[in-house]
Amino acid sequence: MRCHLVNSGVAAEAEFSEANVEEIFLPLLRELTALRRTKGRRVLALLAAPPGAGKSTLAALLERLSEGEGLEKLTALGMDGFHYRQEYLRAHVVAIDGETVSLAAVKGAPQTFDLAGLRDKLRQAAMGKPCRWPAYDRTLHDPVENAVAVEGEILLVEGNYLLLDEPGWRELRNLADATISIAADPAFLRARLLARHVALGRPEAEAAAFVDRSDMANVRLCLSKTLPAGLQLLLLPDGSYAKLR
C-alpha cells in the first residue's frame, strides 16, 4: 500500500505491506474503536519509537486508514511540537561526557523538549477539553504554536519518549488508554537517519557527525529505556513490521 503523506511539513512517499495493514494496523484501529465505544469518552493512545523508526509516517497512515467503514476517526498528533525553540536551545547548555555543549548540539534528546508543556497538553486532550496542539516544521527547524485543533474521539500521539522509563516521562503512560512501541536494529536506524538529514540539505559529513553524536544516543536510549507497551512492533530491514506482542 503506497501513500503520499506529509510529515512535519515535508512531503514523502511511504509504502506499507498489505499484510501489515490487514494483520496489524486495521486490527489495532478496530481495538481502539471498540475501546472508545466501551468507555464512552475520548481515548488516548501513545506511540513510542526511536528516531528513524517511522512513527510519524505510521501515525499518518493510521489516521488515513481510520476513515474506513466501521471505524472511529483517529487524529494523529506528534510530540515534536514540544521541542524548545532554537533560541532557547542555543542559549542553554548541557554536560555530555565531561564536555559542555549547547542544547542545540543535542537537539532531539529528552532535555530539549518541554516536558511540562507536553504533560499538561496530554492531560487536557485526554480529558476531552478543547485545545490546540503545536506542530514541528522541519523546514523551519522550530515548533509552530497552536497549529492543530485537537478534535475527534481517538487521539494517537507519537514521539520518541512517550514511554521513556525516566523520572517525569514515565508518568505520561498513566494518561494513556493504549500504548504502542516500535523497536528496530540500530544500524538500520542510523542509515535511515543519515539519509533523512542529507535529504533535508545537510552535507553528508555534517549529517553523519550529528547522527553519531546526537541521534544515535537517542536511539540507544529509546531502545534500552522504553516501558513495555500493549502492542510491541519490530521494524524490519525491508520496512515492514513484525508483531512482538
C-alpha atoms as a PDB file:
ATOM      1  CA  MET A   1       0.000   0.000   0.000  1.00  0.00           C
ATOM      2  CA  ARG A   2       1.654   3.220  -1.174  1.00  0.00           C
ATOM      3  CA  CYS A   3       0.713   6.516   0.445  1.00  0.00           C
ATOM      4  CA  HIS A   4       1.587  10.150  -0.097  1.00  0.00           C
ATOM      5  CA  LEU A   5       1.988  11.654   3.357  1.00  0.00           C
ATOM      6  CA  VAL A   6       3.129  14.959   4.850  1.00  0.00           C
ATOM      7  CA  ASN A   7       5.378  14.619   7.892  1.00  0.00           C
ATOM      8  CA  SER A   8       6.422  17.747   9.832  1.00  0.00           C
ATOM      9  CA  GLY A   9       5.959  19.947   6.793  1.00  0.00           C
ATOM     10  CA  VAL A  10       7.870  17.591   4.459  1.00  0.00           C
ATOM     11  CA  ALA A  11       6.054  15.549   1.790  1.00  0.00           C
ATOM     12  CA  ALA A  12       7.066  11.913   1.482  1.00  0.00           C
ATOM     13  CA  GLU A  13       6.044   8.684  -0.198  1.00  0.00           C
ATOM     14  CA  ALA A  14       5.688   5.687   2.091  1.00  0.00           C
ATOM     15  CA  GLU A  15       4.892   2.077   1.338  1.00  0.00           C
ATOM     16  CA  PHE A  16       3.294  -0.426   3.712  1.00  0.00           C
ATOM     17  CA  SER A  17       2.697  -4.103   3.085  1.00  0.00           C
ATOM     18  CA  GLU A  18      -0.881  -5.244   2.641  1.00  0.00           C
ATOM     19  CA  ALA A  19      -0.178  -7.974   5.201  1.00  0.00           C
ATOM     20  CA  ASN A  20       0.784  -5.368   7.824  1.00  0.00           C
ATOM     21  CA  VAL A  21      -2.323  -3.341   7.055  1.00  0.00           C
ATOM     22  CA  GLU A  22      -4.644  -6.343   7.327  1.00  0.00           C
ATOM     23  CA  GLU A  23      -2.953  -8.172  10.215  1.00  0.00           C
ATOM     24  CA  ILE A  24      -1.678  -5.341  12.436  1.00  0.00           C
ATOM     25  CA  PHE A  25      -2.944  -1.862  11.611  1.00  0.00           C
ATOM     26  CA  LEU A  26      -6.635  -2.460  10.903  1.00  0.00           C
ATOM     27  CA  PRO A  27      -6.991  -4.761  13.957  1.00  0.00           C
ATOM     28  CA  LEU A  28      -5.367  -2.001  16.047  1.00  0.00           C
ATOM     29  CA  LEU A  29      -7.884   0.529  14.766  1.00  0.00           C
ATOM     30  CA  ARG A  30     -10.743  -1.853  15.486  1.00  0.00           C
ATOM     31  CA  GLU A  31      -9.465  -2.292  19.048  1.00  0.00           C
ATOM     32  CA  LEU A  32      -9.249   1.466  19.554  1.00  0.00           C
ATOM     33  CA  THR A  33     -12.734   1.899  18.111  1.00  0.00           C
ATOM     34  CA  ALA A  34     -14.125  -0.742  20.485  1.00  0.00           C
ATOM     35  CA  LEU A  35     -12.301   0.856  23.408  1.00  0.00           C
ATOM     36  CA  ARG A  36     -13.759   4.249  22.572  1.00  0.00           C
ATOM     37  CA  ARG A  37     -17.285   2.875  22.337  1.00  0.00           C
ATOM     38  CA  THR A  38     -16.937   0.882  25.563  1.00  0.00           C
ATOM     39  CA  LYS A  39     -15.563   3.795  27.546  1.00  0.00           C
ATOM     40  CA  GLY A  40     -17.938   6.338  26.016  1.00  0.00           C
ATOM     41  CA  ARG A  41     -15.301   9.069  26.020  1.00  0.00           C
ATOM     42  CA  ARG A  42     -12.189  10.210  24.189  1.00  0.00           C
ATOM     43  CA  VAL A  43      -9.422   7.586  24.006  1.00  0.00           C
ATOM     44  CA  LEU A  44      -5.715   8.492  24.080  1.00  0.00           C
ATOM     45  CA  ALA A  45      -3.089   6.174  22.573  1.00  0.00           C
ATOM     46  CA  LEU A  46       0.671   6.732  22.806  1.00  0.00           C
ATOM     47  CA  LEU A  47       3.066   5.504  20.107  1.00  0.00           C
ATOM     48  CA  ALA A  48       6.724   5.493  21.179  1.00  0.00           C
ATOM     49  CA  ALA A  49       9.684   4.648  18.938  1.00  0.00           C
ATOM     50  CA  PRO A  50      13.329   5.657  18.467  1.00  0.00           C
ATOM     51  CA  PRO A  51      14.397   8.232  15.883  1.00  0.00           C
ATOM     52  CA  GLY A  52      14.177   6.888  12.342  1.00  0.00           C
ATOM     53  CA  ALA A  53      11.648   4.159  13.132  1.00  0.00           C
ATOM     54  CA  GLY A  54       8.875   5.711  11.051  1.00  0.00           C
ATOM     55  CA  LYS A  55       6.487   6.551  13.863  1.00  0.00           C
ATOM     56  CA  SER A  56       5.219   9.801  12.300  1.00  0.00           C
ATOM     57  CA  THR A  57       4.596   8.101   8.962  1.00  0.00           C
ATOM     58  CA  LEU A  58       2.847   5.185  10.629  1.00  0.00           C
ATOM     59  CA  ALA A  59       0.669   7.570  12.658  1.00  0.00           C
ATOM     60  CA  ALA A  60      -0.315   9.363   9.442  1.00  0.00           C
ATOM     61  CA  LEU A  61      -1.198   6.037   7.823  1.00  0.00           C
ATOM     62  CA  LEU A  62      -3.356   5.016  10.795  1.00  0.00           C
ATOM     63  CA  GLU A  63      -5.168   8.344  10.579  1.00  0.00           C
ATOM     64  CA  ARG A  64      -5.931   7.680   6.925  1.00  0.00           C
ATOM     65  CA  LEU A  65      -6.971   4.054   7.467  1.00  0.00           C
ATOM     66  CA  SER A  66      -9.325   5.113  10.266  1.00  0.00           C
ATOM     67  CA  GLU A  67     -11.575   6.706   7.649  1.00  0.00           C
ATOM     68  CA  GLY A  68     -12.686   3.211   6.687  1.00  0.00           C
ATOM     69  CA  GLU A  69     -16.171   1.850   7.291  1.00  0.00           C
ATOM     70  CA  GLY A  70     -16.969   0.860  10.857  1.00  0.00           C
ATOM     71  CA  LEU A  71     -14.018   2.672  12.396  1.00  0.00           C
ATOM     72  CA  GLU A  72     -13.921   5.757  14.590  1.00  0.00           C
ATOM     73  CA  LYS A  73     -11.834   8.555  13.090  1.00  0.00           C
ATOM     74  CA  LEU A  74      -8.359   8.764  14.589  1.00  0.00           C
ATOM     75  CA  THR A  75      -6.431  12.025  14.903  1.00  0.00           C
ATOM     76  CA  ALA A  76      -2.638  11.731  14.799  1.00  0.00           C
ATOM     77  CA  LEU A  77      -0.528  14.208  16.767  1.00  0.00           C
ATOM     78  CA  GLY A  78       3.233  14.418  17.342  1.00  0.00           C
ATOM     79  CA  MET A  79       5.292  15.354  20.392  1.00  0.00           C
ATOM     80  CA  ASP A  80       7.930  17.093  18.229  1.00  0.00           C
ATOM     81  CA  GLY A  81       5.958  20.330  18.520  1.00  0.00           C
ATOM     82  CA  PHE A  82       7.104  20.417  22.138  1.00  0.00           C
ATOM     83  CA  HIS A  83      10.746  20.919  21.167  1.00  0.00           C
ATOM     84  CA  TYR A  84      12.124  24.055  22.755  1.00  0.00           C
ATOM     85  CA  ARG A  85      12.716  26.765  20.166  1.00  0.00           C
ATOM     86  CA  GLN A  86      16.132  27.197  18.570  1.00  0.00           C
ATOM     87  CA  GLU A  87      16.916  30.368  20.502  1.00  0.00           C
ATOM     88  CA  TYR A  88      16.278  28.545  23.790  1.00  0.00           C
ATOM     89  CA  LEU A  89      18.414  25.593  22.759  1.00  0.00           C
ATOM     90  CA  ARG A  90      21.309  27.820  21.718  1.00  0.00           C
ATOM     91  CA  ALA A  91      21.134  29.746  24.995  1.00  0.00           C
ATOM     92  CA  HIS A  92      21.251  26.700  27.294  1.00  0.00           C
ATOM     93  CA  VAL A  93      23.955  24.100  27.818  1.00  0.00           C
ATOM     94  CA  VAL A  94      24.257  20.507  28.986  1.00  0.00           C
ATOM     95  CA  ALA A  95      27.211  18.392  30.097  1.00  0.00           C
ATOM     96  CA  ILE A  96      27.832  15.310  27.961  1.00  0.00           C
ATOM     97  CA  ASP A  97      30.795  13.010  28.596  1.00  0.00           C
ATOM     98  CA  GLY A  98      32.527  15.767  30.547  1.00  0.00           C
ATOM     99  CA  GLU A  99      32.050  18.335  27.780  1.00  0.00           C
ATOM    100  CA  THR A 100      29.701  21.327  27.977  1.00  0.00           C
ATOM    101  CA  VAL A 101      27.679  21.801  24.793  1.00  0.00           C
ATOM    102  CA  SER A 102      24.609  23.787  23.836  1.00  0.00           C
ATOM    103  CA  LEU A 103      21.272  22.015  23.832  1.00  0.00           C
ATOM    104  CA  ALA A 104      21.118  22.806  20.114  1.00  0.00           C
ATOM    105  CA  ALA A 105      24.002  20.362  19.590  1.00  0.00           C
ATOM    106  CA  VAL A 106      21.915  17.513  21.037  1.00  0.00           C
ATOM    107  CA  LYS A 107      18.523  18.561  19.704  1.00  0.00           C
ATOM    108  CA  GLY A 108      16.141  15.636  19.993  1.00  0.00           C
ATOM    109  CA  ALA A 109      17.413  14.484  23.389  1.00  0.00           C
ATOM    110  CA  PRO A 110      14.820  14.381  26.201  1.00  0.00           C
ATOM    111  CA  GLN A 111      16.091  17.612  27.796  1.00  0.00           C
ATOM    112  CA  THR A 112      15.411  19.534  24.569  1.00  0.00           C
ATOM    113  CA  PHE A 113      11.649  19.050  24.997  1.00  0.00           C
ATOM    114  CA  ASP A 114       9.192  20.991  27.134  1.00  0.00           C
ATOM    115  CA  LEU A 115       8.063  18.016  29.224  1.00  0.00           C
ATOM    116  CA  ALA A 116       5.792  20.077  31.484  1.00  0.00           C
ATOM    117  CA  GLY A 117       4.028  21.591  28.490  1.00  0.00           C
ATOM    118  CA  LEU A 118       3.628  18.177  26.863  1.00  0.00           C
ATOM    119  CA  ARG A 119       2.241  16.636  30.048  1.00  0.00           C
ATOM    120  CA  ASP A 120      -0.276  19.448  30.525  1.00  0.00           C
ATOM    121  CA  LYS A 121      -1.461  19.276  26.926  1.00  0.00           C
ATOM    122  CA  LEU A 122      -1.792  15.480  27.047  1.00  0.00           C
ATOM    123  CA  ARG A 123      -3.860  15.832  30.210  1.00  0.00           C
ATOM    124  CA  GLN A 124      -6.163  18.381  28.558  1.00  0.00           C
ATOM    125  CA  ALA A 125      -6.537  16.238  25.455  1.00  0.00           C
ATOM    126  CA  ALA A 126      -7.214  13.053  27.427  1.00  0.00           C
ATOM    127  CA  MET A 127      -9.970  14.802  29.378  1.00  0.00           C
ATOM    128  CA  GLY A 128     -11.658  15.843  26.144  1.00  0.00           C
ATOM    129  CA  LYS A 129     -11.081  19.551  26.694  1.00  0.00           C
ATOM    130  CA  PRO A 130     -10.926  21.826  23.628  1.00  0.00           C
ATOM    131  CA  CYS A 131      -7.299  22.698  22.941  1.00  0.00           C
ATOM    132  CA  ARG A 132      -4.808  23.329  20.181  1.00  0.00           C
ATOM    133  CA  TRP A 133      -1.585  21.411  19.592  1.00  0.00           C
ATOM    134  CA  PRO A 134       1.836  22.615  18.439  1.00  0.00           C
ATOM    135  CA  ALA A 135       3.449  21.113  15.337  1.00  0.00           C
ATOM    136  CA  TYR A 136       7.100  20.846  14.344  1.00  0.00           C
ATOM    137  CA  ASP A 137       8.155  22.184  10.954  1.00  0.00           C
ATOM    138  CA  ARG A 138      11.368  20.585   9.687  1.00  0.00           C
ATOM    139  CA  THR A 139      11.821  23.310   7.095  1.00  0.00           C
ATOM    140  CA  LEU A 140      11.770  25.993   9.827  1.00  0.00           C
ATOM    141  CA  HIS A 141      13.535  23.783  12.424  1.00  0.00           C
ATOM    142  CA  ASP A 142      11.139  25.141  15.044  1.00  0.00           C
ATOM    143  CA  PRO A 143       7.734  24.348  16.512  1.00  0.00           C
ATOM    144  CA  VAL A 144       4.652  26.211  15.343  1.00  0.00           C
ATOM    145  CA  GLU A 145       2.412  27.024  18.304  1.00  0.00           C
ATOM    146  CA  ASN A 146      -1.316  26.166  18.268  1.00  0.00           C
ATOM    147  CA  ALA A 147      -1.022  24.746  14.759  1.00  0.00           C
ATOM    148  CA  VAL A 148      -3.592  21.963  15.091  1.00  0.00           C
ATOM    149  CA  ALA A 149      -7.051  21.831  16.627  1.00  0.00           C
ATOM    150  CA  VAL A 150      -7.356  18.717  18.812  1.00  0.00           C
ATOM    151  CA  GLU A 151     -10.526  17.059  17.567  1.00  0.00           C
ATOM    152  CA  GLY A 152     -12.006  13.602  17.469  1.00  0.00           C
ATOM    153  CA  GLU A 153     -12.607  10.835  19.970  1.00  0.00           C
ATOM    154  CA  ILE A 154      -9.461   8.783  19.317  1.00  0.00           C
ATOM    155  CA  LEU A 155      -6.139  10.575  19.639  1.00  0.00           C
ATOM    156  CA  LEU A 156      -2.838   8.936  18.711  1.00  0.00           C
ATOM    157  CA  VAL A 157       0.207  10.855  19.935  1.00  0.00           C
ATOM    158  CA  GLU A 158       3.587   9.713  18.606  1.00  0.00           C
ATOM    159  CA  GLY A 159       7.077  10.536  19.835  1.00  0.00           C
ATOM    160  CA  ASN A 160      10.430   9.168  20.921  1.00  0.00           C
ATOM    161  CA  TYR A 161       9.979   9.434  24.675  1.00  0.00           C
ATOM    162  CA  LEU A 162       6.282   8.959  25.393  1.00  0.00           C
ATOM    163  CA  LEU A 163       7.085   5.673  27.155  1.00  0.00           C
ATOM    164  CA  LEU A 164      10.540   6.630  28.416  1.00  0.00           C
ATOM    165  CA  ASP A 165      11.348   4.934  31.716  1.00  0.00           C
ATOM    166  CA  GLU A 166      12.832   8.009  33.390  1.00  0.00           C
ATOM    167  CA  PRO A 167      11.504  10.412  36.063  1.00  0.00           C
ATOM    168  CA  GLY A 168       8.837  12.754  34.749  1.00  0.00           C
ATOM    169  CA  TRP A 169       8.489  10.893  31.468  1.00  0.00           C
ATOM    170  CA  ARG A 170       7.275   7.552  32.798  1.00  0.00           C
ATOM    171  CA  GLU A 171       4.205   9.216  34.321  1.00  0.00           C
ATOM    172  CA  LEU A 172       2.883  10.024  30.837  1.00  0.00           C
ATOM    173  CA  ARG A 173       1.794   6.410  30.410  1.00  0.00           C
ATOM    174  CA  ASN A 174      -0.762   6.878  33.184  1.00  0.00           C
ATOM    175  CA  LEU A 175      -2.678   9.239  30.887  1.00  0.00           C
ATOM    176  CA  ALA A 176      -2.990   6.691  28.072  1.00  0.00           C
ATOM    177  CA  ASP A 177      -5.718   4.159  27.326  1.00  0.00           C
ATOM    178  CA  ALA A 178      -3.487   2.259  24.886  1.00  0.00           C
ATOM    179  CA  THR A 179       0.252   2.100  24.195  1.00  0.00           C
ATOM    180  CA  ILE A 180       2.302   1.045  21.157  1.00  0.00           C
ATOM    181  CA  SER A 181       6.069   0.793  20.761  1.00  0.00           C
ATOM    182  CA  ILE A 182       8.425   0.134  17.844  1.00  0.00           C
ATOM    183  CA  ALA A 183      11.929  -1.323  18.079  1.00  0.00           C
ATOM    184  CA  ALA A 184      14.486  -1.737  15.286  1.00  0.00           C
ATOM    185  CA  ASP A 185      18.118  -2.586  14.607  1.00  0.00           C
ATOM    186  CA  PRO A 186      20.310   0.448  15.489  1.00  0.00           C
ATOM    187  CA  ALA A 187      22.436   0.162  12.311  1.00  0.00           C
ATOM    188  CA  PHE A 188      19.288   0.191  10.170  1.00  0.00           C
ATOM    189  CA  LEU A 189      18.024   3.282  12.011  1.00  0.00           C
ATOM    190  CA  ARG A 190      21.387   5.046  11.554  1.00  0.00           C
ATOM    191  CA  ALA A 191      21.207   4.566   7.792  1.00  0.00           C
ATOM    192  CA  ARG A 192      17.669   5.942   7.676  1.00  0.00           C
ATOM    193  CA  LEU A 193      18.551   8.941   9.844  1.00  0.00           C
ATOM    194  CA  LEU A 194      21.593   9.776   7.752  1.00  0.00           C
ATOM    195  CA  ALA A 195      19.522   9.652   4.576  1.00  0.00           C
ATOM    196  CA  ARG A 196      16.894  11.899   6.178  1.00  0.00           C
ATOM    197  CA  HIS A 197      19.392  14.615   7.139  1.00  0.00           C
ATOM    198  CA  VAL A 198      21.043  14.558   3.714  1.00  0.00           C
ATOM    199  CA  ALA A 199      17.624  14.810   2.028  1.00  0.00           C
ATOM    200  CA  LEU A 200      16.931  17.922   4.123  1.00  0.00           C
ATOM    201  CA  GLY A 201      20.089  19.604   2.784  1.00  0.00           C
ATOM    202  CA  ARG A 202      22.855  18.780   5.268  1.00  0.00           C
ATOM    203  CA  PRO A 203      26.252  17.852   3.793  1.00  0.00           C
ATOM    204  CA  GLU A 204      26.851  14.138   4.333  1.00  0.00           C
ATOM    205  CA  ALA A 205      29.861  14.566   6.634  1.00  0.00           C
ATOM    206  CA  GLU A 206      27.990  17.055   8.814  1.00  0.00           C
ATOM    207  CA  ALA A 207      24.896  14.854   8.809  1.00  0.00           C
ATOM    208  CA  ALA A 208      26.933  11.791   9.842  1.00  0.00           C
ATOM    209  CA  ALA A 209      28.576  13.712  12.689  1.00  0.00           C
ATOM    210  CA  PHE A 210      25.199  14.851  14.029  1.00  0.00           C
ATOM    211  CA  VAL A 211      23.640  11.405  13.687  1.00  0.00           C
ATOM    212  CA  ASP A 212      26.503   9.737  15.547  1.00  0.00           C
ATOM    213  CA  ARG A 213      26.737  12.385  18.265  1.00  0.00           C
ATOM    214  CA  SER A 214      23.055  13.051  18.887  1.00  0.00           C
ATOM    215  CA  ASP A 215      20.574  10.843  17.039  1.00  0.00           C
ATOM    216  CA  MET A 216      22.215   7.530  17.859  1.00  0.00           C
ATOM    217  CA  ALA A 217      22.455   8.404  21.553  1.00  0.00           C
ATOM    218  CA  ASN A 218      18.698   8.932  21.457  1.00  0.00           C
ATOM    219  CA  VAL A 219      18.199   5.682  19.549  1.00  0.00           C
ATOM    220  CA  ARG A 220      20.104   3.750  22.218  1.00  0.00           C
ATOM    221  CA  LEU A 221      18.159   5.480  24.989  1.00  0.00           C
ATOM    222  CA  CYS A 222      14.809   4.621  23.424  1.00  0.00           C
ATOM    223  CA  LEU A 223      15.738   1.011  22.735  1.00  0.00           C
ATOM    224  CA  SER A 224      17.009   0.442  26.274  1.00  0.00           C
ATOM    225  CA  LYS A 225      14.540   2.512  28.310  1.00  0.00           C
ATOM    226  CA  THR A 226      11.111   2.276  26.703  1.00  0.00           C
ATOM    227  CA  LEU A 227       8.432   0.907  29.035  1.00  0.00           C
ATOM    228  CA  PRO A 228       6.551  -2.205  27.846  1.00  0.00           C
ATOM    229  CA  ALA A 229       3.637  -1.334  25.555  1.00  0.00           C
ATOM    230  CA  GLY A 230       0.366  -3.110  24.959  1.00  0.00           C
ATOM    231  CA  LEU A 231       1.334  -3.551  21.289  1.00  0.00           C
ATOM    232  CA  GLN A 232       5.035  -4.033  20.555  1.00  0.00           C
ATOM    233  CA  LEU A 233       6.270  -3.919  16.951  1.00  0.00           C
ATOM    234  CA  LEU A 234       9.646  -4.613  15.335  1.00  0.00           C
ATOM    235  CA  LEU A 235      10.595  -2.621  12.225  1.00  0.00           C
ATOM    236  CA  LEU A 236      12.376  -4.977   9.827  1.00  0.00           C
ATOM    237  CA  PRO A 237      15.109  -4.049   7.312  1.00  0.00           C
ATOM    238  CA  ASP A 238      12.640  -4.256   4.406  1.00  0.00           C
ATOM    239  CA  GLY A 239      10.458  -1.595   6.067  1.00  0.00           C
ATOM    240  CA  SER A 240       7.726  -3.989   7.177  1.00  0.00           C
ATOM    241  CA  TYR A 241       6.658  -4.648  10.756  1.00  0.00           C
ATOM    242  CA  ALA A 242       6.524  -7.782  12.886  1.00  0.00           C
ATOM    243  CA  LYS A 243       4.259  -8.025  15.913  1.00  0.00           C
ATOM    244  CA  LEU A 244       6.175  -8.950  19.069  1.00  0.00           C
ATOM    245  CA  ARG A 245       3.261  -8.693  21.487  1.00  0.00           C
END
